[in-house]
Amino acid sequence: MVVKWLREHATASALMVLFRLYLGYEWMMAGWEKITHGFDATGYLKGALAKATGEHPAVQGWWAAFIENVALPNVGLFNFLVPWGEFLVGIALILGLFTTFAALMGAVMNFAFMFSGTTSTNPQMVLLTVFILVAGANAGRYGLDRWVLPYLRQRWHRPQRPAATHK
């Protein structure tokens, strides 16, 4: 019943606009801050590794192994992906453009931050994002998705003309 309401009702879509605007603003500003003032994830990643020890580690061993073997050796890539990912997720959510994909990428980032031992506003952002994801296309009804998604569906499902044959 709740899922049907989220996916189909105009009131739910209006509520999703509020969620989108809040989350979009938070992502956009976090990304913009990193883009304009510089960002180096090295210290953050090393801090996450330090939280992977002790009797009750905040960072699980499998995630610490990812940080140590993938993230830190490729920190330059993460220094680019994190700020621009945050910024672009924010813009997409504000505009209601590729809303469910943007929300999913935001959730992935939130979970990565939580796996790294950071709580902050990440849990509440994940909770609001879940509503957007469940609402699906209805979350972008009052946004650019209203026009972009039908256009893309039409372009992708347009019958192809048969190739001309030469005799």
C-alpha atoms as a PDB file:
ATOM      1  CA  MET A   1       0.000   0.000   0.000  1.00  0.00           C
ATOM      2  CA  VAL A   2       2.762   2.474   0.941  1.00  0.00           C
ATOM      3  CA  VAL A   3       4.893   1.393  -2.011  1.00  0.00           C
ATOM      4  CA  LYS A   4       1.956   1.874  -4.405  1.00  0.00           C
ATOM      5  CA  TRP A   5       1.348   5.332  -2.944  1.00  0.00           C
ATOM      6  CA  LEU A   6       5.029   6.289  -3.280  1.00  0.00           C
ATOM      7  CA  ARG A   7       5.185   5.033  -6.870  1.00  0.00           C
ATOM      8  CA  GLU A   8       1.898   6.465  -8.176  1.00  0.00           C
ATOM      9  CA  HIS A   9       0.446   9.319  -6.121  1.00  0.00           C
ATOM     10  CA  ALA A  10       1.052  12.979  -6.970  1.00  0.00           C
ATOM     11  CA  THR A  11       1.258  13.886  -3.271  1.00  0.00           C
ATOM     12  CA  ALA A  12       4.074  11.380  -2.823  1.00  0.00           C
ATOM     13  CA  SER A  13       5.825  12.910  -5.805  1.00  0.00           C
ATOM     14  CA  ALA A  14       5.558  16.352  -4.196  1.00  0.00           C
ATOM     15  CA  LEU A  15       7.014  14.945  -0.964  1.00  0.00           C
ATOM     16  CA  MET A  16       9.854  13.439  -2.991  1.00  0.00           C
ATOM     17  CA  VAL A  17      10.611  16.933  -4.327  1.00  0.00           C
ATOM     18  CA  LEU A  18      11.266  18.049  -0.754  1.00  0.00           C
ATOM     19  CA  PHE A  19      13.490  15.025  -0.116  1.00  0.00           C
ATOM     20  CA  ARG A  20      15.284  15.600  -3.433  1.00  0.00           C
ATOM     21  CA  LEU A  21      15.885  19.285  -2.732  1.00  0.00           C
ATOM     22  CA  TYR A  22      17.257  18.628   0.741  1.00  0.00           C
ATOM     23  CA  LEU A  23      19.494  15.755  -0.353  1.00  0.00           C
ATOM     24  CA  GLY A  24      20.503  17.531  -3.544  1.00  0.00           C
ATOM     25  CA  TYR A  25      21.518  20.659  -1.683  1.00  0.00           C
ATOM     26  CA  GLU A  26      23.539  18.656   0.859  1.00  0.00           C
ATOM     27  CA  TRP A  27      25.350  16.680  -1.859  1.00  0.00           C
ATOM     28  CA  MET A  28      25.921  19.684  -4.107  1.00  0.00           C
ATOM     29  CA  MET A  29      27.351  21.846  -1.320  1.00  0.00           C
ATOM     30  CA  ALA A  30      29.578  19.053   0.025  1.00  0.00           C
ATOM     31  CA  GLY A  31      30.947  18.456  -3.463  1.00  0.00           C
ATOM     32  CA  TRP A  32      31.328  22.143  -4.271  1.00  0.00           C
ATOM     33  CA  GLU A  33      33.267  22.723  -1.044  1.00  0.00           C
ATOM     34  CA  LYS A  34      35.698  19.964  -2.018  1.00  0.00           C
ATOM     35  CA  ILE A  35      35.976  21.127  -5.636  1.00  0.00           C
ATOM     36  CA  THR A  36      36.670  24.762  -4.774  1.00  0.00           C
ATOM     37  CA  HIS A  37      38.820  24.309  -1.658  1.00  0.00           C
ATOM     38  CA  GLY A  38      40.737  21.206  -2.638  1.00  0.00           C
ATOM     39  CA  PHE A  39      40.234  17.684  -1.428  1.00  0.00           C
ATOM     40  CA  ASP A  40      42.611  14.946  -0.437  1.00  0.00           C
ATOM     41  CA  ALA A  41      41.069  11.738   0.884  1.00  0.00           C
ATOM     42  CA  THR A  42      44.379  10.351   2.145  1.00  0.00           C
ATOM     43  CA  GLY A  43      43.899  11.448   5.758  1.00  0.00           C
ATOM     44  CA  TYR A  44      40.289  10.290   5.811  1.00  0.00           C
ATOM     45  CA  LEU A  45      41.204   6.877   4.428  1.00  0.00           C
ATOM     46  CA  LYS A  46      44.089   6.445   6.879  1.00  0.00           C
ATOM     47  CA  GLY A  47      41.734   7.441   9.696  1.00  0.00           C
ATOM     48  CA  ALA A  48      39.253   4.803   8.547  1.00  0.00           C
ATOM     49  CA  LEU A  49      42.029   2.194   8.602  1.00  0.00           C
ATOM     50  CA  ALA A  50      42.843   3.174  12.186  1.00  0.00           C
ATOM     51  CA  LYS A  51      39.196   2.449  13.119  1.00  0.00           C
ATOM     52  CA  ALA A  52      39.552  -1.141  11.857  1.00  0.00           C
ATOM     53  CA  THR A  53      41.418  -2.348  14.940  1.00  0.00           C
ATOM     54  CA  GLY A  54      40.479  -3.110  18.518  1.00  0.00           C
ATOM     55  CA  GLU A  55      37.846  -5.232  20.201  1.00  0.00           C
ATOM     56  CA  HIS A  56      34.876  -3.530  18.498  1.00  0.00           C
ATOM     57  CA  PRO A  57      36.183  -1.949  15.281  1.00  0.00           C
ATOM     58  CA  ALA A  58      34.050   0.711  13.602  1.00  0.00           C
ATOM     59  CA  VAL A  59      35.446  -0.390  10.230  1.00  0.00           C
ATOM     60  CA  GLN A  60      35.154  -4.032   9.237  1.00  0.00           C
ATOM     61  CA  GLY A  61      38.185  -5.945   8.004  1.00  0.00           C
ATOM     62  CA  TRP A  62      36.870  -6.477   4.472  1.00  0.00           C
ATOM     63  CA  TRP A  63      36.315  -2.721   4.048  1.00  0.00           C
ATOM     64  CA  ALA A  64      39.709  -1.944   5.561  1.00  0.00           C
ATOM     65  CA  ALA A  65      41.241  -4.318   2.992  1.00  0.00           C
ATOM     66  CA  PHE A  66      39.444  -2.383   0.227  1.00  0.00           C
ATOM     67  CA  ILE A  67      40.748   0.913   1.596  1.00  0.00           C
ATOM     68  CA  GLU A  68      44.293  -0.397   1.978  1.00  0.00           C
ATOM     69  CA  ASN A  69      44.521  -2.256  -1.344  1.00  0.00           C
ATOM     70  CA  VAL A  70      42.303  -0.199  -3.655  1.00  0.00           C
ATOM     71  CA  ALA A  71      41.403   3.240  -2.308  1.00  0.00           C
ATOM     72  CA  LEU A  72      44.754   4.376  -0.894  1.00  0.00           C
ATOM     73  CA  PRO A  73      46.853   3.207  -3.864  1.00  0.00           C
ATOM     74  CA  ASN A  74      44.385   5.028  -6.138  1.00  0.00           C
ATOM     75  CA  VAL A  75      43.708   8.021  -3.914  1.00  0.00           C
ATOM     76  CA  GLY A  76      44.126  10.412  -6.847  1.00  0.00           C
ATOM     77  CA  LEU A  77      41.143   8.814  -8.559  1.00  0.00           C
ATOM     78  CA  PHE A  78      39.077   9.035  -5.369  1.00  0.00           C
ATOM     79  CA  ASN A  79      40.154  12.677  -4.940  1.00  0.00           C
ATOM     80  CA  PHE A  80      38.442  13.317  -8.271  1.00  0.00           C
ATOM     81  CA  LEU A  81      35.449  10.959  -7.978  1.00  0.00           C
ATOM     82  CA  VAL A  82      34.253  11.969  -4.513  1.00  0.00           C
ATOM     83  CA  PRO A  83      33.908  15.752  -5.027  1.00  0.00           C
ATOM     84  CA  TRP A  84      32.508  15.493  -8.551  1.00  0.00           C
ATOM     85  CA  GLY A  85      30.276  12.557  -7.616  1.00  0.00           C
ATOM     86  CA  GLU A  86      28.814  14.493  -4.699  1.00  0.00           C
ATOM     87  CA  PHE A  87      28.344  17.625  -6.780  1.00  0.00           C
ATOM     88  CA  LEU A  88      26.731  15.869  -9.760  1.00  0.00           C
ATOM     89  CA  VAL A  89      24.448  13.737  -7.568  1.00  0.00           C
ATOM     90  CA  GLY A  90      23.321  16.974  -5.915  1.00  0.00           C
ATOM     91  CA  ILE A  91      22.617  18.751  -9.207  1.00  0.00           C
ATOM     92  CA  ALA A  92      20.740  15.737 -10.596  1.00  0.00           C
ATOM     93  CA  LEU A  93      18.561  15.431  -7.479  1.00  0.00           C
ATOM     94  CA  ILE A  94      17.758  19.149  -7.444  1.00  0.00           C
ATOM     95  CA  LEU A  95      16.814  19.093 -11.127  1.00  0.00           C
ATOM     96  CA  GLY A  96      15.007  15.763 -10.900  1.00  0.00           C
ATOM     97  CA  LEU A  97      17.182  14.440 -13.721  1.00  0.00           C
ATOM     98  CA  PHE A  98      17.948  10.703 -13.724  1.00  0.00           C
ATOM     99  CA  THR A  99      16.581  10.871 -10.187  1.00  0.00           C
ATOM    100  CA  THR A 100      16.673   7.199  -9.232  1.00  0.00           C
ATOM    101  CA  PHE A 101      20.195   6.736 -10.607  1.00  0.00           C
ATOM    102  CA  ALA A 102      21.413   9.856  -8.784  1.00  0.00           C
ATOM    103  CA  ALA A 103      19.766   8.670  -5.564  1.00  0.00           C
ATOM    104  CA  LEU A 104      21.366   5.244  -5.937  1.00  0.00           C
ATOM    105  CA  MET A 105      24.816   6.771  -6.441  1.00  0.00           C
ATOM    106  CA  GLY A 106      24.224   8.988  -3.396  1.00  0.00           C
ATOM    107  CA  ALA A 107      23.297   5.930  -1.343  1.00  0.00           C
ATOM    108  CA  VAL A 108      26.454   4.153  -2.503  1.00  0.00           C
ATOM    109  CA  MET A 109      28.540   7.111  -1.335  1.00  0.00           C
ATOM    110  CA  ASN A 110      26.651   7.303   1.984  1.00  0.00           C
ATOM    111  CA  PHE A 111      27.279   3.617   2.616  1.00  0.00           C
ATOM    112  CA  ALA A 112      30.962   3.988   1.715  1.00  0.00           C
ATOM    113  CA  PHE A 113      31.264   6.792   4.273  1.00  0.00           C
ATOM    114  CA  MET A 114      29.444   4.733   6.916  1.00  0.00           C
ATOM    115  CA  PHE A 115      31.565   1.651   6.149  1.00  0.00           C
ATOM    116  CA  SER A 116      34.563   3.930   6.763  1.00  0.00           C
ATOM    117  CA  GLY A 117      33.345   4.681  10.278  1.00  0.00           C
ATOM    118  CA  THR A 118      31.673   8.055   9.668  1.00  0.00           C
ATOM    119  CA  THR A 119      28.111   8.502  10.877  1.00  0.00           C
ATOM    120  CA  SER A 120      27.256  12.230  10.684  1.00  0.00           C
ATOM    121  CA  THR A 121      24.109  12.788   8.572  1.00  0.00           C
ATOM    122  CA  ASN A 122      24.696   9.709   6.422  1.00  0.00           C
ATOM    123  CA  PRO A 123      22.017   7.482   8.041  1.00  0.00           C
ATOM    124  CA  GLN A 124      19.264  10.083   7.638  1.00  0.00           C
ATOM    125  CA  MET A 125      20.372  10.714   4.068  1.00  0.00           C
ATOM    126  CA  VAL A 126      20.193   6.978   3.338  1.00  0.00           C
ATOM    127  CA  LEU A 127      16.702   6.800   4.853  1.00  0.00           C
ATOM    128  CA  LEU A 128      15.396   9.655   2.695  1.00  0.00           C
ATOM    129  CA  THR A 129      17.143   8.164  -0.325  1.00  0.00           C
ATOM    130  CA  VAL A 130      15.344   4.845   0.221  1.00  0.00           C
ATOM    131  CA  PHE A 131      12.017   6.644  -0.189  1.00  0.00           C
ATOM    132  CA  ILE A 132      13.220   8.180  -3.456  1.00  0.00           C
ATOM    133  CA  LEU A 133      14.409   4.815  -4.715  1.00  0.00           C
ATOM    134  CA  VAL A 134      11.133   3.108  -3.823  1.00  0.00           C
ATOM    135  CA  ALA A 135       9.159   5.925  -5.465  1.00  0.00           C
ATOM    136  CA  GLY A 136      11.081   5.274  -8.673  1.00  0.00           C
ATOM    137  CA  ALA A 137      10.049   7.437 -11.608  1.00  0.00           C
ATOM    138  CA  ASN A 138       7.439   9.178  -9.461  1.00  0.00           C
ATOM    139  CA  ALA A 139      10.277  10.834  -7.522  1.00  0.00           C
ATOM    140  CA  GLY A 140      11.192  12.745 -10.687  1.00  0.00           C
ATOM    141  CA  ARG A 141       7.635  13.525 -11.800  1.00  0.00           C
ATOM    142  CA  TYR A 142       8.108  17.171 -10.815  1.00  0.00           C
ATOM    143  CA  GLY A 143      11.503  17.510 -12.389  1.00  0.00           C
ATOM    144  CA  LEU A 144      13.304  17.076 -15.695  1.00  0.00           C
ATOM    145  CA  ASP A 145      12.640  13.322 -15.624  1.00  0.00           C
ATOM    146  CA  ARG A 146       9.054  14.155 -16.617  1.00  0.00           C
ATOM    147  CA  TRP A 147      10.331  15.036 -20.106  1.00  0.00           C
ATOM    148  CA  VAL A 148      13.721  13.366 -20.380  1.00  0.00           C
ATOM    149  CA  LEU A 149      12.715   9.798 -19.501  1.00  0.00           C
ATOM    150  CA  PRO A 150       9.796   9.565 -21.989  1.00  0.00           C
ATOM    151  CA  TYR A 151      12.033  11.071 -24.681  1.00  0.00           C
ATOM    152  CA  LEU A 152      14.763   8.503 -24.028  1.00  0.00           C
ATOM    153  CA  ARG A 153      12.252   5.639 -23.936  1.00  0.00           C
ATOM    154  CA  GLN A 154      10.857   6.776 -27.286  1.00  0.00           C
ATOM    155  CA  ARG A 155      14.333   7.028 -28.832  1.00  0.00           C
ATOM    156  CA  TRP A 156      15.426   3.603 -27.567  1.00  0.00           C
ATOM    157  CA  HIS A 157      12.214   1.848 -28.542  1.00  0.00           C
ATOM    158  CA  ARG A 158      11.864   3.443 -31.949  1.00  0.00           C
ATOM    159  CA  PRO A 159      11.685   0.744 -34.612  1.00  0.00           C
ATOM    160  CA  GLN A 160      14.780   0.627 -36.743  1.00  0.00           C
ATOM    161  CA  ARG A 161      14.383   1.129 -40.470  1.00  0.00           C
ATOM    162  CA  PRO A 162      15.491  -1.827 -42.503  1.00  0.00           C
ATOM    163  CA  ALA A 163      18.835  -1.354 -44.155  1.00  0.00           C
ATOM    164  CA  ALA A 164      18.691  -0.431 -47.814  1.00  0.00           C
ATOM    165  CA  THR A 165      19.524  -3.287 -50.117  1.00  0.00           C
ATOM    166  CA  HIS A 166      21.601  -2.731 -53.203  1.00  0.00           C
ATOM    167  CA  LYS A 167      20.863  -4.723 -56.329  1.00  0.00           C
END
